[in-house]
Amino acid sequence: MDMSSREIRMPLSEVVAVRQDLNEFVVSLDRLGSRQAAGTTDEHTVGKFIADWDVARRLARARHVISVALDGQLSEENNAEIDVLCDQGHFYGKESAVSPSTDQSS
């Protein structure tokens, strides 16, 4: 499937909600990283942020919003191809996974 020319439509309200969540995560994690680099926070702070800000659930919701749009607009075969691509990601805890920050292959 050639994905470069394909477009998927999503309700603007859903796109805005996902973007708001992603923006909160990116800005907050950047600030946490800066504080860790400066030595003004400990290693437990990121875990506390993830738990307190319900990051896992909110990211799962963002994934769901995108999946619903894909499922509704692409064929079953196209969605299966996308699922295979997504399953090839780097996952924490996967024994053979290499940290993206240390992976020099690309």
N, C-alpha and C. Protein backbone atom coordinates (compact mmCIF):
# COMPACT_ATOMS: atom_id res chain seq x y z
N MET A 1 0.85 -1.18 0.00
CA MET A 1 0.00 0.00 0.00
C MET A 1 0.89 1.24 0.00
N ASP A 2 0.65 2.14 -0.92
CA ASP A 2 1.36 3.41 -0.98
C ASP A 2 0.68 4.39 -0.03
N MET A 3 1.33 4.67 1.10
CA MET A 3 0.72 5.55 2.10
C MET A 3 0.99 7.03 1.85
N SER A 4 1.93 7.34 0.97
CA SER A 4 2.32 8.73 0.78
C SER A 4 1.20 9.58 0.19
N SER A 5 0.31 8.98 -0.57
CA SER A 5 -0.74 9.77 -1.21
C SER A 5 -2.11 9.60 -0.55
N ARG A 6 -2.19 8.79 0.50
CA ARG A 6 -3.46 8.52 1.17
C ARG A 6 -3.72 9.55 2.26
N GLU A 7 -4.98 9.89 2.44
CA GLU A 7 -5.38 10.80 3.51
C GLU A 7 -6.51 10.17 4.30
N ILE A 8 -6.52 10.44 5.59
CA ILE A 8 -7.57 9.96 6.47
C ILE A 8 -8.23 11.17 7.12
N ARG A 9 -9.53 11.18 7.11
CA ARG A 9 -10.28 12.28 7.72
C ARG A 9 -10.68 11.88 9.14
N MET A 10 -10.58 12.87 10.04
CA MET A 10 -10.97 12.67 11.44
C MET A 10 -11.75 13.89 11.90
N PRO A 11 -12.69 13.69 12.82
CA PRO A 11 -13.41 14.85 13.35
C PRO A 11 -12.43 15.82 14.02
N LEU A 12 -12.61 17.09 13.74
CA LEU A 12 -11.71 18.11 14.28
C LEU A 12 -11.65 18.06 15.80
N SER A 13 -12.77 17.83 16.45
CA SER A 13 -12.78 17.78 17.92
C SER A 13 -11.87 16.67 18.44
N GLU A 14 -11.84 15.54 17.74
CA GLU A 14 -10.97 14.43 18.14
C GLU A 14 -9.50 14.77 17.90
N VAL A 15 -9.21 15.38 16.76
CA VAL A 15 -7.84 15.78 16.44
C VAL A 15 -7.32 16.78 17.48
N VAL A 16 -8.15 17.75 17.84
CA VAL A 16 -7.74 18.76 18.82
C VAL A 16 -7.50 18.11 20.18
N ALA A 17 -8.38 17.20 20.60
CA ALA A 17 -8.20 16.53 21.90
C ALA A 17 -6.91 15.72 21.93
N VAL A 18 -6.62 14.99 20.86
CA VAL A 18 -5.39 14.20 20.79
C VAL A 18 -4.18 15.12 20.79
N ARG A 19 -4.24 16.20 20.02
CA ARG A 19 -3.11 17.13 19.96
C ARG A 19 -2.87 17.78 21.31
N GLN A 20 -3.92 18.13 22.03
CA GLN A 20 -3.75 18.71 23.36
C GLN A 20 -3.02 17.74 24.29
N ASP A 21 -3.47 16.49 24.29
CA ASP A 21 -2.80 15.50 25.13
C ASP A 21 -1.34 15.34 24.74
N LEU A 22 -1.07 15.18 23.45
CA LEU A 22 0.31 15.01 22.99
C LEU A 22 1.16 16.22 23.34
N ASN A 23 0.61 17.41 23.20
CA ASN A 23 1.36 18.62 23.54
C ASN A 23 1.70 18.65 25.03
N GLU A 24 0.73 18.31 25.88
CA GLU A 24 0.99 18.26 27.33
C GLU A 24 2.12 17.27 27.63
N PHE A 25 2.10 16.11 26.99
CA PHE A 25 3.12 15.10 27.25
C PHE A 25 4.50 15.56 26.79
N VAL A 26 4.57 16.10 25.58
CA VAL A 26 5.86 16.52 25.02
C VAL A 26 6.46 17.65 25.86
N VAL A 27 5.68 18.67 26.17
CA VAL A 27 6.19 19.79 26.96
C VAL A 27 6.58 19.34 28.36
N SER A 28 5.71 18.55 28.99
CA SER A 28 6.00 18.10 30.36
C SER A 28 7.22 17.20 30.42
N LEU A 29 7.34 16.25 29.47
CA LEU A 29 8.50 15.37 29.47
C LEU A 29 9.78 16.14 29.16
N ASP A 30 9.70 17.15 28.31
CA ASP A 30 10.86 18.00 28.05
C ASP A 30 11.29 18.72 29.33
N ARG A 31 10.33 19.25 30.05
CA ARG A 31 10.65 19.94 31.30
C ARG A 31 11.23 18.97 32.33
N LEU A 32 10.65 17.76 32.41
CA LEU A 32 11.18 16.76 33.34
C LEU A 32 12.61 16.38 32.96
N GLY A 33 12.86 16.22 31.66
CA GLY A 33 14.21 15.89 31.20
C GLY A 33 15.20 16.99 31.55
N SER A 34 14.79 18.23 31.40
CA SER A 34 15.67 19.35 31.76
C SER A 34 15.97 19.36 33.25
N ARG A 35 14.95 19.07 34.05
CA ARG A 35 15.16 19.03 35.51
C ARG A 35 16.07 17.87 35.90
N GLN A 36 15.91 16.73 35.23
CA GLN A 36 16.80 15.60 35.53
C GLN A 36 18.23 15.94 35.15
N ALA A 37 18.41 16.57 34.00
CA ALA A 37 19.75 16.95 33.55
C ALA A 37 20.39 17.94 34.51
N ALA A 38 19.57 18.81 35.08
CA ALA A 38 20.08 19.80 36.02
C ALA A 38 20.25 19.23 37.43
N GLY A 39 19.75 18.03 37.64
CA GLY A 39 19.87 17.40 38.94
C GLY A 39 18.86 17.89 39.96
N THR A 40 17.78 18.52 39.50
CA THR A 40 16.79 19.06 40.43
C THR A 40 15.58 18.15 40.61
N THR A 41 15.62 16.95 40.05
CA THR A 41 14.55 15.97 40.24
C THR A 41 15.15 14.58 40.23
N ASP A 42 14.43 13.62 40.82
CA ASP A 42 14.97 12.26 40.87
C ASP A 42 14.31 11.36 39.83
N GLU A 43 14.76 10.11 39.78
CA GLU A 43 14.30 9.19 38.74
C GLU A 43 12.84 8.76 38.91
N HIS A 44 12.27 8.99 40.06
CA HIS A 44 10.88 8.60 40.29
C HIS A 44 9.87 9.62 39.76
N THR A 45 10.33 10.79 39.41
CA THR A 45 9.44 11.87 38.98
C THR A 45 8.72 11.54 37.68
N VAL A 46 9.41 10.95 36.73
CA VAL A 46 8.77 10.61 35.45
C VAL A 46 7.67 9.57 35.68
N GLY A 47 7.94 8.56 36.49
CA GLY A 47 6.93 7.57 36.81
C GLY A 47 5.72 8.18 37.50
N LYS A 48 5.98 9.10 38.40
CA LYS A 48 4.88 9.80 39.09
C LYS A 48 4.06 10.62 38.10
N PHE A 49 4.75 11.30 37.17
CA PHE A 49 4.05 12.06 36.13
C PHE A 49 3.16 11.14 35.30
N ILE A 50 3.71 10.01 34.86
CA ILE A 50 2.94 9.08 34.03
C ILE A 50 1.70 8.58 34.78
N ALA A 51 1.86 8.27 36.05
CA ALA A 51 0.72 7.78 36.84
C ALA A 51 -0.27 8.90 37.14
N ASP A 52 0.23 10.01 37.64
CA ASP A 52 -0.67 11.11 38.07
C ASP A 52 -1.42 11.75 36.90
N TRP A 53 -0.79 11.82 35.75
CA TRP A 53 -1.40 12.47 34.59
C TRP A 53 -2.12 11.47 33.69
N ASP A 54 -2.23 10.23 34.13
CA ASP A 54 -2.99 9.20 33.41
C ASP A 54 -2.51 9.06 31.96
N VAL A 55 -1.18 9.10 31.80
CA VAL A 55 -0.58 9.13 30.47
C VAL A 55 -0.93 7.88 29.65
N ALA A 56 -0.85 6.71 30.25
CA ALA A 56 -1.11 5.48 29.50
C ALA A 56 -2.53 5.46 28.94
N ARG A 57 -3.51 5.80 29.75
CA ARG A 57 -4.90 5.80 29.29
C ARG A 57 -5.10 6.84 28.20
N ARG A 58 -4.52 8.02 28.36
CA ARG A 58 -4.70 9.08 27.39
C ARG A 58 -4.02 8.75 26.06
N LEU A 59 -2.86 8.11 26.11
CA LEU A 59 -2.21 7.68 24.88
C LEU A 59 -3.00 6.55 24.22
N ALA A 60 -3.55 5.65 25.01
CA ALA A 60 -4.38 4.58 24.45
C ALA A 60 -5.61 5.17 23.77
N ARG A 61 -6.18 6.22 24.34
CA ARG A 61 -7.32 6.90 23.73
C ARG A 61 -6.93 7.52 22.39
N ALA A 62 -5.76 8.15 22.33
CA ALA A 62 -5.28 8.75 21.09
C ALA A 62 -5.10 7.67 20.02
N ARG A 63 -4.52 6.55 20.42
CA ARG A 63 -4.36 5.43 19.48
C ARG A 63 -5.72 4.94 18.99
N HIS A 64 -6.70 4.87 19.90
CA HIS A 64 -8.05 4.42 19.55
C HIS A 64 -8.70 5.38 18.54
N VAL A 65 -8.57 6.68 18.77
CA VAL A 65 -9.16 7.67 17.86
C VAL A 65 -8.61 7.49 16.45
N ILE A 66 -7.30 7.31 16.35
CA ILE A 66 -6.68 7.12 15.04
C ILE A 66 -7.11 5.78 14.44
N SER A 67 -7.17 4.74 15.25
CA SER A 67 -7.58 3.42 14.76
C SER A 67 -9.00 3.43 14.22
N VAL A 68 -9.89 4.11 14.91
CA VAL A 68 -11.28 4.20 14.44
C VAL A 68 -11.34 4.87 13.07
N ALA A 69 -10.57 5.93 12.89
CA ALA A 69 -10.55 6.62 11.59
C ALA A 69 -9.99 5.70 10.50
N LEU A 70 -8.92 4.98 10.82
CA LEU A 70 -8.34 4.06 9.85
C LEU A 70 -9.31 2.93 9.51
N ASP A 71 -9.91 2.34 10.54
CA ASP A 71 -10.84 1.22 10.32
C ASP A 71 -12.03 1.64 9.47
N GLY A 72 -12.49 2.86 9.66
CA GLY A 72 -13.66 3.33 8.94
C GLY A 72 -13.40 3.74 7.50
N GLN A 73 -12.13 3.96 7.16
CA GLN A 73 -11.84 4.50 5.84
C GLN A 73 -10.92 3.64 4.97
N LEU A 74 -10.31 2.64 5.56
CA LEU A 74 -9.42 1.76 4.79
C LEU A 74 -9.98 0.35 4.74
N SER A 75 -9.51 -0.41 3.79
CA SER A 75 -9.94 -1.80 3.68
C SER A 75 -9.34 -2.62 4.83
N GLU A 76 -9.91 -3.78 5.02
CA GLU A 76 -9.39 -4.70 6.04
C GLU A 76 -7.94 -5.06 5.73
N GLU A 77 -7.64 -5.24 4.46
CA GLU A 77 -6.27 -5.58 4.05
C GLU A 77 -5.30 -4.44 4.36
N ASN A 78 -5.70 -3.21 4.08
CA ASN A 78 -4.84 -2.06 4.38
C ASN A 78 -4.62 -1.92 5.88
N ASN A 79 -5.69 -2.11 6.65
CA ASN A 79 -5.56 -2.03 8.11
C ASN A 79 -4.65 -3.13 8.64
N ALA A 80 -4.70 -4.31 8.05
CA ALA A 80 -3.82 -5.41 8.47
C ALA A 80 -2.36 -5.04 8.20
N GLU A 81 -2.09 -4.39 7.06
CA GLU A 81 -0.72 -3.94 6.75
C GLU A 81 -0.24 -2.92 7.79
N ILE A 82 -1.10 -2.00 8.16
CA ILE A 82 -0.75 -0.99 9.16
C ILE A 82 -0.50 -1.65 10.51
N ASP A 83 -1.32 -2.63 10.87
CA ASP A 83 -1.13 -3.35 12.13
C ASP A 83 0.24 -4.02 12.18
N VAL A 84 0.64 -4.63 11.06
CA VAL A 84 1.95 -5.28 11.00
C VAL A 84 3.06 -4.24 11.20
N LEU A 85 2.95 -3.09 10.55
CA LEU A 85 3.95 -2.03 10.71
C LEU A 85 4.02 -1.55 12.16
N CYS A 86 2.87 -1.37 12.78
CA CYS A 86 2.83 -0.89 14.16
C CYS A 86 3.39 -1.91 15.15
N ASP A 87 3.21 -3.18 14.84
CA ASP A 87 3.72 -4.24 15.71
C ASP A 87 5.24 -4.35 15.65
N GLN A 88 5.87 -3.67 14.69
CA GLN A 88 7.32 -3.72 14.54
C GLN A 88 8.03 -2.63 15.34
N GLY A 89 7.30 -1.89 16.17
CA GLY A 89 7.89 -0.80 16.94
C GLY A 89 8.83 -1.28 18.02
N HIS A 90 9.46 -0.34 18.69
CA HIS A 90 10.32 -0.62 19.84
C HIS A 90 9.44 -0.56 21.08
N PHE A 91 9.39 -1.66 21.83
CA PHE A 91 8.53 -1.72 23.01
C PHE A 91 9.36 -1.97 24.25
N TYR A 92 9.13 -1.17 25.27
CA TYR A 92 9.83 -1.34 26.54
C TYR A 92 9.53 -2.72 27.11
N GLY A 93 10.55 -3.39 27.60
CA GLY A 93 10.37 -4.69 28.19
C GLY A 93 10.49 -5.84 27.21
N LYS A 94 10.51 -5.52 25.92
CA LYS A 94 10.70 -6.55 24.90
C LYS A 94 12.19 -6.86 24.87
N GLU A 95 12.55 -8.09 25.18
CA GLU A 95 13.96 -8.46 25.38
C GLU A 95 14.87 -8.09 24.22
N SER A 96 14.38 -8.19 22.99
CA SER A 96 15.23 -7.91 21.85
C SER A 96 15.20 -6.44 21.43
N ALA A 97 14.39 -5.63 22.12
CA ALA A 97 14.27 -4.22 21.74
C ALA A 97 15.52 -3.45 22.11
N VAL A 98 15.90 -2.55 21.25
CA VAL A 98 17.02 -1.66 21.49
C VAL A 98 16.44 -0.29 21.77
N SER A 99 17.00 0.38 22.74
CA SER A 99 16.54 1.72 23.06
C SER A 99 16.68 2.61 21.84
N PRO A 100 15.60 3.34 21.45
CA PRO A 100 15.69 4.21 20.28
C PRO A 100 16.82 5.22 20.38
N SER A 101 17.19 5.63 21.60
CA SER A 101 18.25 6.63 21.76
C SER A 101 19.63 6.02 21.53
N THR A 102 19.75 4.67 21.62
CA THR A 102 21.05 4.05 21.39
C THR A 102 21.12 3.28 20.08
N ASP A 103 19.99 3.19 19.37
CA ASP A 103 19.96 2.47 18.10
C ASP A 103 20.63 3.32 17.03
N GLN A 104 21.77 2.87 16.53
CA GLN A 104 22.53 3.64 15.54
C GLN A 104 22.30 3.14 14.12
N SER A 105 21.30 2.26 13.91
CA SER A 105 21.14 1.65 12.60
C SER A 105 20.54 2.56 11.55
N SER A 106 19.91 3.65 11.92
CA SER A 106 19.28 4.51 10.91
C SER A 106 20.04 5.76 10.66
